[in-house]
Amino acid sequence: MTFNVLIATIGRSTLHTMLESLLPQLLEKDVLTIVFDGLHPIELDLSSAKCTVHIFEESVALGFNGHAIRNKYQTILDKTDFILHADDDDVYADDAFLFLRQMCTDIDTLYVAKMYLHAIQKTVPAGRYIAIDNIGTPCGIIPYLLNTKGRWSLPGAGGDGRFYEEIAKHAKNIVFLDKIIYHVYPAPGR
């Protein structure tokens, strides 16, 4: 299975930590897409990347916690079996992609993994359903074409949940995975 991970960033230094958790897990056949939202890119050490890396710059900040970036780029991402969405200030679990390569074997299935919110000590999704406030940006392992079937709406208005609700309507199958693949840590200003 191949993965394309889209990271929308405002150039926070935490992007380095995200990449440290992600790059060792991506293989040559995978893709990493980083989009800087209205800022000049920060310097990144991508020398350890085995995968294809694309870096884009938006000249005008699209904003909205990366949701506008996700909407704009969802139709132009390099084709892989699955698309994942990540933020620049969180991290993947050490074995996340080893697990996903073993479990995500059907390219017509929407897989939903868990993330852990450290600030409130909560695992999301809390149940085997997709709904606003029960799913987060990085939870979906989305078949490539299914990724274009939804729109990310404004944060605070259920942006993540609405996107996943929309694409779930078009999914042939949905499989909930019982593993935490992603950690959200408290960040200054969050």
N, C-alpha and C. Protein backbone atom coordinates (compact mmCIF):
# COMPACT_ATOMS: atom_id res chain seq x y z
N MET A 1 0.83 -1.18 0.00
CA MET A 1 0.00 0.00 0.00
C MET A 1 0.88 1.25 0.00
N THR A 2 0.40 2.26 -0.69
CA THR A 2 1.15 3.52 -0.76
C THR A 2 0.35 4.64 -0.13
N PHE A 3 1.07 5.60 0.44
CA PHE A 3 0.45 6.69 1.17
C PHE A 3 0.99 8.03 0.70
N ASN A 4 0.10 9.03 0.65
CA ASN A 4 0.48 10.42 0.43
C ASN A 4 0.00 11.18 1.66
N VAL A 5 0.92 11.77 2.40
CA VAL A 5 0.58 12.52 3.60
C VAL A 5 0.66 14.00 3.27
N LEU A 6 -0.47 14.70 3.46
CA LEU A 6 -0.54 16.14 3.21
C LEU A 6 -0.45 16.88 4.54
N ILE A 7 0.56 17.73 4.65
CA ILE A 7 0.72 18.55 5.85
C ILE A 7 0.55 20.01 5.45
N ALA A 8 -0.46 20.65 6.01
CA ALA A 8 -0.64 22.09 5.85
C ALA A 8 0.08 22.75 7.03
N THR A 9 0.92 23.74 6.74
CA THR A 9 1.73 24.32 7.81
C THR A 9 1.79 25.84 7.72
N ILE A 10 1.93 26.46 8.88
CA ILE A 10 2.19 27.89 8.92
C ILE A 10 3.66 28.13 9.27
N GLY A 11 4.46 27.08 9.15
CA GLY A 11 5.89 27.23 9.35
C GLY A 11 6.35 27.18 10.79
N ARG A 12 5.55 26.56 11.66
CA ARG A 12 5.97 26.43 13.06
C ARG A 12 7.19 25.51 13.17
N SER A 13 8.00 25.75 14.16
CA SER A 13 9.19 24.91 14.36
C SER A 13 8.81 23.48 14.71
N THR A 14 7.59 23.27 15.18
CA THR A 14 7.12 21.92 15.52
C THR A 14 7.04 21.03 14.28
N LEU A 15 7.06 21.61 13.10
CA LEU A 15 7.06 20.81 11.88
C LEU A 15 8.26 19.86 11.86
N HIS A 16 9.37 20.30 12.43
CA HIS A 16 10.56 19.44 12.49
C HIS A 16 10.27 18.15 13.27
N THR A 17 9.57 18.29 14.40
CA THR A 17 9.23 17.13 15.22
C THR A 17 8.27 16.22 14.48
N MET A 18 7.29 16.81 13.80
CA MET A 18 6.37 16.00 13.00
C MET A 18 7.15 15.19 11.96
N LEU A 19 8.04 15.85 11.25
CA LEU A 19 8.81 15.16 10.21
C LEU A 19 9.73 14.09 10.79
N GLU A 20 10.27 14.32 11.98
CA GLU A 20 11.10 13.29 12.63
C GLU A 20 10.29 12.03 12.92
N SER A 21 9.00 12.20 13.21
CA SER A 21 8.15 11.04 13.49
C SER A 21 7.67 10.37 12.20
N LEU A 22 7.60 11.12 11.13
CA LEU A 22 7.00 10.64 9.88
C LEU A 22 8.00 10.09 8.87
N LEU A 23 9.06 10.83 8.60
CA LEU A 23 9.98 10.45 7.52
C LEU A 23 10.56 9.04 7.64
N PRO A 24 10.95 8.57 8.82
CA PRO A 24 11.49 7.21 8.89
C PRO A 24 10.47 6.13 8.52
N GLN A 25 9.19 6.49 8.53
CA GLN A 25 8.14 5.50 8.27
C GLN A 25 7.68 5.46 6.81
N LEU A 26 8.00 6.49 6.05
CA LEU A 26 7.57 6.54 4.65
C LEU A 26 8.59 5.85 3.76
N LEU A 27 8.10 5.07 2.80
CA LEU A 27 8.95 4.30 1.90
C LEU A 27 9.09 5.02 0.56
N GLU A 28 9.93 4.48 -0.30
CA GLU A 28 10.19 5.09 -1.62
C GLU A 28 8.92 5.31 -2.43
N LYS A 29 7.97 4.43 -2.30
CA LYS A 29 6.74 4.52 -3.10
C LYS A 29 5.72 5.50 -2.51
N ASP A 30 5.99 6.04 -1.33
CA ASP A 30 5.09 6.99 -0.69
C ASP A 30 5.39 8.42 -1.12
N VAL A 31 4.52 9.34 -0.70
CA VAL A 31 4.69 10.76 -1.04
C VAL A 31 4.40 11.60 0.20
N LEU A 32 5.18 12.63 0.38
CA LEU A 32 4.93 13.63 1.41
C LEU A 32 4.69 14.95 0.71
N THR A 33 3.56 15.59 1.00
CA THR A 33 3.22 16.89 0.42
C THR A 33 3.12 17.90 1.55
N ILE A 34 3.96 18.92 1.50
CA ILE A 34 3.96 19.97 2.52
C ILE A 34 3.57 21.27 1.84
N VAL A 35 2.57 21.95 2.41
CA VAL A 35 2.13 23.23 1.85
C VAL A 35 2.28 24.31 2.92
N PHE A 36 3.12 25.31 2.62
CA PHE A 36 3.29 26.46 3.50
C PHE A 36 2.20 27.47 3.17
N ASP A 37 1.45 27.85 4.18
CA ASP A 37 0.28 28.70 3.98
C ASP A 37 0.61 30.18 4.17
N GLY A 38 0.99 30.83 3.07
CA GLY A 38 1.20 32.27 3.09
C GLY A 38 2.50 32.72 3.74
N LEU A 39 3.40 31.79 3.95
CA LEU A 39 4.67 32.12 4.57
C LEU A 39 5.80 31.55 3.74
N HIS A 40 6.96 32.11 3.92
CA HIS A 40 8.13 31.50 3.29
C HIS A 40 8.45 30.24 4.07
N PRO A 41 8.82 29.18 3.40
CA PRO A 41 9.11 27.93 4.10
C PRO A 41 10.25 28.08 5.10
N ILE A 42 10.13 27.36 6.20
CA ILE A 42 11.26 27.28 7.11
C ILE A 42 12.24 26.26 6.54
N GLU A 43 13.46 26.32 6.98
CA GLU A 43 14.46 25.38 6.47
C GLU A 43 14.19 24.00 7.04
N LEU A 44 14.14 23.01 6.17
CA LEU A 44 13.86 21.64 6.58
C LEU A 44 14.99 20.73 6.14
N ASP A 45 15.32 19.78 6.99
CA ASP A 45 16.30 18.76 6.61
C ASP A 45 15.52 17.53 6.15
N LEU A 46 15.45 17.36 4.86
CA LEU A 46 14.71 16.24 4.28
C LEU A 46 15.66 15.19 3.71
N SER A 47 16.91 15.24 4.13
CA SER A 47 17.92 14.34 3.58
C SER A 47 17.64 12.87 3.89
N SER A 48 16.89 12.61 4.95
CA SER A 48 16.58 11.22 5.30
C SER A 48 15.35 10.69 4.57
N ALA A 49 14.68 11.53 3.81
CA ALA A 49 13.45 11.11 3.13
C ALA A 49 13.75 10.09 2.04
N LYS A 50 13.07 8.97 2.12
CA LYS A 50 13.17 7.95 1.07
C LYS A 50 12.07 8.16 0.03
N CYS A 51 11.02 8.86 0.43
CA CYS A 51 9.85 9.05 -0.43
C CYS A 51 10.00 10.31 -1.27
N THR A 52 9.09 10.48 -2.21
CA THR A 52 8.99 11.72 -2.97
C THR A 52 8.46 12.80 -2.03
N VAL A 53 9.06 13.98 -2.08
CA VAL A 53 8.61 15.10 -1.25
C VAL A 53 8.28 16.28 -2.16
N HIS A 54 7.08 16.82 -2.00
CA HIS A 54 6.68 18.03 -2.71
C HIS A 54 6.48 19.14 -1.69
N ILE A 55 7.03 20.30 -1.97
CA ILE A 55 6.83 21.46 -1.10
C ILE A 55 6.22 22.57 -1.94
N PHE A 56 5.09 23.09 -1.47
CA PHE A 56 4.39 24.17 -2.15
C PHE A 56 4.29 25.37 -1.22
N GLU A 57 4.20 26.55 -1.82
CA GLU A 57 4.01 27.78 -1.06
C GLU A 57 2.77 28.49 -1.58
N GLU A 58 1.88 28.83 -0.69
CA GLU A 58 0.74 29.66 -1.04
C GLU A 58 1.14 31.11 -0.80
N SER A 59 1.01 31.96 -1.81
CA SER A 59 1.46 33.35 -1.67
C SER A 59 0.56 34.15 -0.74
N VAL A 60 -0.70 33.79 -0.67
CA VAL A 60 -1.64 34.45 0.23
C VAL A 60 -2.15 33.40 1.20
N ALA A 61 -2.11 33.71 2.48
CA ALA A 61 -2.55 32.73 3.49
C ALA A 61 -4.01 32.36 3.28
N LEU A 62 -4.26 31.08 3.10
CA LEU A 62 -5.63 30.60 2.96
C LEU A 62 -6.28 30.40 4.32
N GLY A 63 -5.48 30.11 5.35
CA GLY A 63 -5.95 30.06 6.72
C GLY A 63 -6.85 28.90 7.07
N PHE A 64 -7.64 29.11 8.10
CA PHE A 64 -8.63 28.14 8.59
C PHE A 64 -8.00 26.81 8.99
N ASN A 65 -6.89 26.88 9.74
CA ASN A 65 -6.23 25.69 10.29
C ASN A 65 -5.89 24.65 9.24
N GLY A 66 -5.57 25.09 8.06
CA GLY A 66 -5.16 24.16 7.00
C GLY A 66 -6.30 23.59 6.19
N HIS A 67 -7.53 23.87 6.58
CA HIS A 67 -8.66 23.29 5.86
C HIS A 67 -8.75 23.80 4.43
N ALA A 68 -8.46 25.08 4.22
CA ALA A 68 -8.48 25.62 2.85
C ALA A 68 -7.39 24.98 2.00
N ILE A 69 -6.23 24.71 2.59
CA ILE A 69 -5.15 24.01 1.88
C ILE A 69 -5.63 22.63 1.47
N ARG A 70 -6.24 21.91 2.40
CA ARG A 70 -6.70 20.54 2.11
C ARG A 70 -7.72 20.55 0.97
N ASN A 71 -8.61 21.53 0.97
CA ASN A 71 -9.59 21.62 -0.12
C ASN A 71 -8.92 21.92 -1.45
N LYS A 72 -7.98 22.84 -1.46
CA LYS A 72 -7.34 23.25 -2.71
C LYS A 72 -6.48 22.12 -3.30
N TYR A 73 -5.78 21.39 -2.46
CA TYR A 73 -4.82 20.41 -2.94
C TYR A 73 -5.38 19.00 -3.08
N GLN A 74 -6.60 18.76 -2.62
CA GLN A 74 -7.12 17.39 -2.63
C GLN A 74 -7.22 16.79 -4.03
N THR A 75 -7.38 17.60 -5.04
CA THR A 75 -7.52 17.06 -6.40
C THR A 75 -6.21 17.03 -7.17
N ILE A 76 -5.14 17.56 -6.59
CA ILE A 76 -3.87 17.60 -7.33
C ILE A 76 -2.76 16.81 -6.65
N LEU A 77 -3.09 16.07 -5.61
CA LEU A 77 -2.09 15.25 -4.93
C LEU A 77 -1.65 14.10 -5.83
N ASP A 78 -0.37 13.75 -5.74
CA ASP A 78 0.12 12.57 -6.47
C ASP A 78 -0.73 11.37 -6.08
N LYS A 79 -1.00 10.52 -7.06
CA LYS A 79 -1.85 9.36 -6.81
C LYS A 79 -1.09 8.29 -6.03
N THR A 80 -1.67 7.92 -4.92
CA THR A 80 -1.22 6.79 -4.11
C THR A 80 -2.47 6.02 -3.73
N ASP A 81 -2.31 4.90 -3.05
CA ASP A 81 -3.49 4.14 -2.64
C ASP A 81 -4.34 4.91 -1.64
N PHE A 82 -3.67 5.59 -0.71
CA PHE A 82 -4.38 6.29 0.36
C PHE A 82 -3.80 7.69 0.58
N ILE A 83 -4.68 8.59 1.05
CA ILE A 83 -4.30 9.94 1.44
C ILE A 83 -4.49 10.05 2.96
N LEU A 84 -3.54 10.71 3.61
CA LEU A 84 -3.66 11.02 5.03
C LEU A 84 -3.43 12.52 5.20
N HIS A 85 -4.08 13.10 6.19
CA HIS A 85 -3.94 14.53 6.48
C HIS A 85 -3.29 14.67 7.85
N ALA A 86 -2.33 15.57 7.95
CA ALA A 86 -1.63 15.77 9.22
C ALA A 86 -1.45 17.26 9.49
N ASP A 87 -1.22 17.58 10.75
CA ASP A 87 -0.93 18.95 11.15
C ASP A 87 0.56 19.08 11.44
N ASP A 88 1.04 20.30 11.46
CA ASP A 88 2.48 20.51 11.61
C ASP A 88 2.96 20.48 13.05
N ASP A 89 2.06 20.32 14.00
CA ASP A 89 2.47 20.39 15.40
C ASP A 89 2.16 19.13 16.20
N ASP A 90 1.95 18.03 15.53
CA ASP A 90 1.65 16.77 16.18
C ASP A 90 2.62 15.70 15.69
N VAL A 91 2.47 14.46 16.13
CA VAL A 91 3.40 13.41 15.72
C VAL A 91 2.68 12.09 15.47
N TYR A 92 3.28 11.30 14.60
CA TYR A 92 2.80 9.94 14.37
C TYR A 92 3.45 9.00 15.37
N ALA A 93 2.73 7.98 15.79
CA ALA A 93 3.29 6.93 16.64
C ALA A 93 4.40 6.23 15.87
N ASP A 94 5.38 5.71 16.59
CA ASP A 94 6.56 5.11 15.97
C ASP A 94 6.26 4.01 14.96
N ASP A 95 5.23 3.25 15.21
CA ASP A 95 4.92 2.11 14.34
C ASP A 95 3.64 2.32 13.52
N ALA A 96 3.23 3.56 13.38
CA ALA A 96 1.95 3.85 12.72
C ALA A 96 1.87 3.29 11.31
N PHE A 97 2.87 3.54 10.50
CA PHE A 97 2.78 3.14 9.10
C PHE A 97 3.05 1.65 8.89
N LEU A 98 3.83 1.05 9.76
CA LEU A 98 3.98 -0.41 9.72
C LEU A 98 2.62 -1.05 9.96
N PHE A 99 1.91 -0.56 10.96
CA PHE A 99 0.56 -1.04 11.26
C PHE A 99 -0.39 -0.78 10.09
N LEU A 100 -0.37 0.43 9.54
CA LEU A 100 -1.28 0.77 8.44
C LEU A 100 -1.00 -0.08 7.21
N ARG A 101 0.25 -0.36 6.92
CA ARG A 101 0.57 -1.20 5.76
C ARG A 101 0.04 -2.62 5.94
N GLN A 102 -0.05 -3.08 7.17
CA GLN A 102 -0.58 -4.41 7.45
C GLN A 102 -2.10 -4.44 7.41
N MET A 103 -2.73 -3.38 7.89
CA MET A 103 -4.19 -3.38 8.07
C MET A 103 -4.96 -2.80 6.89
N CYS A 104 -4.42 -1.84 6.20
CA CYS A 104 -5.14 -1.13 5.13
C CYS A 104 -4.84 -1.81 3.80
N THR A 105 -5.56 -2.87 3.52
CA THR A 105 -5.27 -3.69 2.34
C THR A 105 -6.28 -3.54 1.21
N ASP A 106 -7.38 -2.85 1.46
CA ASP A 106 -8.42 -2.68 0.44
C ASP A 106 -8.49 -1.21 0.05
N ILE A 107 -8.13 -0.91 -1.19
CA ILE A 107 -8.07 0.50 -1.61
C ILE A 107 -9.45 1.11 -1.86
N ASP A 108 -10.50 0.36 -1.61
CA ASP A 108 -11.85 0.90 -1.69
C ASP A 108 -12.47 1.12 -0.31
N THR A 109 -11.70 0.90 0.73
CA THR A 109 -12.20 1.01 2.10
C THR A 109 -11.64 2.26 2.77
N LEU A 110 -12.51 2.98 3.47
CA LEU A 110 -12.08 4.08 4.33
C LEU A 110 -11.71 3.48 5.67
N TYR A 111 -10.47 3.65 6.07
CA TYR A 111 -10.02 3.18 7.37
C TYR A 111 -9.98 4.37 8.32
N VAL A 112 -10.37 4.13 9.57
CA VAL A 112 -10.37 5.18 10.58
C VAL A 112 -9.55 4.69 11.77
N ALA A 113 -8.41 5.34 12.00
CA ALA A 113 -7.55 5.00 13.13
C ALA A 113 -7.78 6.00 14.26
N LYS A 114 -7.13 5.77 15.35
CA LYS A 114 -7.32 6.61 16.53
C LYS A 114 -6.17 7.62 16.67
N MET A 115 -6.51 8.74 17.31
CA MET A 115 -5.51 9.71 17.72
C MET A 115 -5.72 9.97 19.20
N TYR A 116 -4.65 10.38 19.87
CA TYR A 116 -4.74 10.64 21.31
C TYR A 116 -4.47 12.12 21.56
N LEU A 117 -5.42 12.76 22.24
CA LEU A 117 -5.32 14.18 22.59
C LEU A 117 -4.75 14.28 24.01
N HIS A 118 -3.48 14.58 24.13
CA HIS A 118 -2.81 14.56 25.43
C HIS A 118 -3.32 15.63 26.38
N ALA A 119 -3.71 16.79 25.90
CA ALA A 119 -4.15 17.88 26.78
C ALA A 119 -5.39 17.50 27.57
N ILE A 120 -6.26 16.70 26.98
CA ILE A 120 -7.50 16.32 27.66
C ILE A 120 -7.58 14.82 27.90
N GLN A 121 -6.50 14.11 27.63
CA GLN A 121 -6.41 12.66 27.84
C GLN A 121 -7.62 11.93 27.25
N LYS A 122 -7.79 12.13 25.95
CA LYS A 122 -8.94 11.55 25.26
C LYS A 122 -8.49 10.89 23.96
N THR A 123 -9.07 9.74 23.68
CA THR A 123 -8.83 9.05 22.42
C THR A 123 -9.99 9.32 21.48
N VAL A 124 -9.68 9.66 20.24
CA VAL A 124 -10.68 9.98 19.22
C VAL A 124 -10.40 9.12 18.00
N PRO A 125 -11.40 8.50 17.38
CA PRO A 125 -12.79 8.50 17.79
C PRO A 125 -13.01 7.64 19.03
N ALA A 126 -14.01 8.05 19.81
CA ALA A 126 -14.34 7.34 21.05
C ALA A 126 -15.21 6.12 20.76
N GLY A 127 -15.86 6.09 19.62
CA GLY A 127 -16.70 4.96 19.24
C GLY A 127 -16.53 4.66 17.77
N ARG A 128 -17.18 3.64 17.32
CA ARG A 128 -17.05 3.19 15.93
C ARG A 128 -18.09 3.89 15.05
N TYR A 129 -17.99 5.21 15.01
CA TYR A 129 -18.87 6.00 14.16
C TYR A 129 -18.16 7.30 13.80
N ILE A 130 -18.60 7.89 12.72
CA ILE A 130 -18.03 9.15 12.24
C ILE A 130 -19.04 10.25 12.51
N ALA A 131 -18.61 11.26 13.26
CA ALA A 131 -19.48 12.39 13.58
C ALA A 131 -18.62 13.57 14.01
N ILE A 132 -19.20 14.75 13.93
CA ILE A 132 -18.53 15.95 14.42
C ILE A 132 -18.15 15.71 15.88
N ASP A 133 -16.95 16.10 16.25
CA ASP A 133 -16.39 15.95 17.59
C ASP A 133 -16.04 14.50 17.94
N ASN A 134 -16.15 13.58 16.99
CA ASN A 134 -15.73 12.20 17.25
C ASN A 134 -14.70 11.73 16.23
N ILE A 135 -14.10 12.66 15.49
CA ILE A 135 -13.05 12.30 14.54
C ILE A 135 -12.17 13.53 14.34
N GLY A 136 -10.91 13.30 14.07
CA GLY A 136 -9.99 14.41 13.86
C GLY A 136 -9.29 14.31 12.52
N THR A 137 -8.64 15.39 12.16
CA THR A 137 -7.95 15.49 10.88
C THR A 137 -7.16 14.24 10.50
N PRO A 138 -6.30 13.71 11.39
CA PRO A 138 -5.42 12.61 10.99
C PRO A 138 -6.03 11.21 11.09
N CYS A 139 -7.27 11.09 11.47
CA CYS A 139 -7.85 9.76 11.73
C CYS A 139 -8.09 8.95 10.46
N GLY A 140 -8.37 9.59 9.36
CA GLY A 140 -8.73 8.87 8.14
C GLY A 140 -7.54 8.39 7.34
N ILE A 141 -7.64 7.16 6.88
CA ILE A 141 -6.73 6.61 5.88
C ILE A 141 -7.64 6.45 4.67
N ILE A 142 -7.58 7.42 3.77
CA ILE A 142 -8.63 7.67 2.79
C ILE A 142 -8.22 7.17 1.41
N PRO A 143 -9.05 6.33 0.79
CA PRO A 143 -8.76 5.95 -0.60
C PRO A 143 -8.61 7.21 -1.46
N TYR A 144 -7.66 7.17 -2.39
CA TYR A 144 -7.30 8.35 -3.18
C TYR A 144 -8.51 9.08 -3.76
N LEU A 145 -9.37 8.40 -4.49
CA LEU A 145 -10.52 9.07 -5.12
C LEU A 145 -11.55 9.53 -4.11
N LEU A 146 -11.69 8.82 -3.01
CA LEU A 146 -12.66 9.20 -1.99
C LEU A 146 -12.28 10.53 -1.34
N ASN A 147 -11.01 10.84 -1.30
CA ASN A 147 -10.53 12.08 -0.70
C ASN A 147 -11.14 13.33 -1.35
N THR A 148 -11.58 13.22 -2.59
CA THR A 148 -12.15 14.38 -3.30
C THR A 148 -13.67 14.49 -3.12
N LYS A 149 -14.27 13.61 -2.37
CA LYS A 149 -15.73 13.58 -2.23
C LYS A 149 -16.26 14.44 -1.09
N GLY A 150 -15.37 15.09 -0.36
CA GLY A 150 -15.81 15.93 0.75
C GLY A 150 -15.07 17.25 0.74
N ARG A 151 -15.60 18.20 1.49
CA ARG A 151 -14.96 19.51 1.64
C ARG A 151 -14.70 19.75 3.12
N TRP A 152 -13.53 20.27 3.40
CA TRP A 152 -13.19 20.64 4.77
C TRP A 152 -13.87 21.97 5.05
N SER A 153 -14.67 22.05 6.10
CA SER A 153 -15.33 23.31 6.44
C SER A 153 -14.57 23.97 7.59
N LEU A 154 -15.08 25.10 8.04
CA LEU A 154 -14.37 25.89 9.03
C LEU A 154 -14.17 25.14 10.34
N PRO A 155 -12.98 25.28 10.93
CA PRO A 155 -12.76 24.73 12.26
C PRO A 155 -13.75 25.39 13.22
N GLY A 156 -14.16 24.66 14.22
CA GLY A 156 -15.14 25.19 15.15
C GLY A 156 -16.55 25.02 14.63
N ALA A 157 -16.67 24.70 13.35
CA ALA A 157 -17.98 24.43 12.76
C ALA A 157 -18.02 22.96 12.33
N GLY A 158 -17.19 22.16 12.97
CA GLY A 158 -17.18 20.74 12.67
C GLY A 158 -16.42 20.38 11.42
N GLY A 159 -15.39 21.14 11.08
CA GLY A 159 -14.66 20.95 9.83
C GLY A 159 -14.20 19.54 9.57
N ASP A 160 -13.54 18.91 10.55
CA ASP A 160 -13.06 17.55 10.37
C ASP A 160 -14.24 16.59 10.25
N GLY A 161 -15.15 16.70 11.19
CA GLY A 161 -16.30 15.79 11.21
C GLY A 161 -17.15 15.87 9.96
N ARG A 162 -17.40 17.07 9.49
CA ARG A 162 -18.22 17.23 8.28
C ARG A 162 -17.53 16.61 7.07
N PHE A 163 -16.21 16.82 6.94
CA PHE A 163 -15.47 16.21 5.83
C PHE A 163 -15.62 14.69 5.87
N TYR A 164 -15.37 14.11 7.02
CA TYR A 164 -15.44 12.65 7.12
C TYR A 164 -16.87 12.13 6.98
N GLU A 165 -17.85 12.88 7.45
CA GLU A 165 -19.24 12.47 7.23
C GLU A 165 -19.56 12.42 5.73
N GLU A 166 -19.09 13.44 4.99
CA GLU A 166 -19.34 13.48 3.55
C GLU A 166 -18.68 12.32 2.82
N ILE A 167 -17.41 12.06 3.11
CA ILE A 167 -16.74 10.99 2.37
C ILE A 167 -17.25 9.62 2.80
N ALA A 168 -17.69 9.49 4.04
CA ALA A 168 -18.24 8.20 4.50
C ALA A 168 -19.47 7.80 3.69
N LYS A 169 -20.23 8.78 3.24
CA LYS A 169 -21.42 8.49 2.42
C LYS A 169 -21.05 7.82 1.11
N HIS A 170 -19.83 8.07 0.63
CA HIS A 170 -19.38 7.53 -0.65
C HIS A 170 -18.48 6.30 -0.49
N ALA A 171 -18.13 5.97 0.73
CA ALA A 171 -17.21 4.85 0.97
C ALA A 171 -17.94 3.52 0.76
N LYS A 172 -17.27 2.60 0.08
CA LYS A 172 -17.85 1.26 -0.10
C LYS A 172 -17.84 0.51 1.22
N ASN A 173 -16.80 0.70 2.00
CA ASN A 173 -16.67 0.07 3.32
C ASN A 173 -15.98 1.05 4.26
N ILE A 174 -16.26 0.90 5.55
CA ILE A 174 -15.56 1.67 6.57
C ILE A 174 -15.07 0.68 7.62
N VAL A 175 -13.79 0.74 7.93
CA VAL A 175 -13.20 -0.14 8.95
C VAL A 175 -12.56 0.74 10.02
N PHE A 176 -12.96 0.51 11.26
CA PHE A 176 -12.39 1.24 12.39
C PHE A 176 -11.24 0.42 12.97
N LEU A 177 -10.09 1.06 13.09
CA LEU A 177 -8.89 0.41 13.62
C LEU A 177 -8.73 0.78 15.09
N ASP A 178 -8.33 -0.18 15.90
CA ASP A 178 -8.24 0.05 17.34
C ASP A 178 -6.86 0.48 17.81
N LYS A 179 -6.13 1.15 16.97
CA LYS A 179 -4.77 1.55 17.33
C LYS A 179 -4.62 3.07 17.23
N ILE A 180 -3.92 3.62 18.20
CA ILE A 180 -3.57 5.05 18.16
C ILE A 180 -2.37 5.20 17.24
N ILE A 181 -2.55 5.95 16.16
CA ILE A 181 -1.45 6.16 15.21
C ILE A 181 -0.89 7.58 15.28
N TYR A 182 -1.54 8.45 16.07
CA TYR A 182 -1.24 9.88 16.00
C TYR A 182 -1.41 10.49 17.38
N HIS A 183 -0.50 11.39 17.74
CA HIS A 183 -0.55 12.06 19.05
C HIS A 183 -0.63 13.56 18.85
N VAL A 184 -1.57 14.16 19.58
CA VAL A 184 -1.74 15.61 19.57
C VAL A 184 -1.32 16.11 20.95
N TYR A 185 -0.24 16.88 20.97
CA TYR A 185 0.29 17.41 22.23
C TYR A 185 -0.10 18.87 22.38
N PRO A 186 -0.25 19.32 23.63
CA PRO A 186 -0.54 20.75 23.83
C PRO A 186 0.60 21.59 23.27
N ALA A 187 0.24 22.64 22.60
CA ALA A 187 1.25 23.54 22.03
C ALA A 187 0.96 24.95 22.53
N PRO A 188 1.99 25.77 22.63
CA PRO A 188 1.76 27.16 23.03
C PRO A 188 0.75 27.82 22.10
N GLY A 189 -0.21 28.51 22.67
CA GLY A 189 -1.20 29.22 21.87
C GLY A 189 -2.34 28.34 21.40
N ARG A 190 -2.33 27.11 21.82
CA ARG A 190 -3.39 26.20 21.39
C ARG A 190 -4.47 26.14 22.43
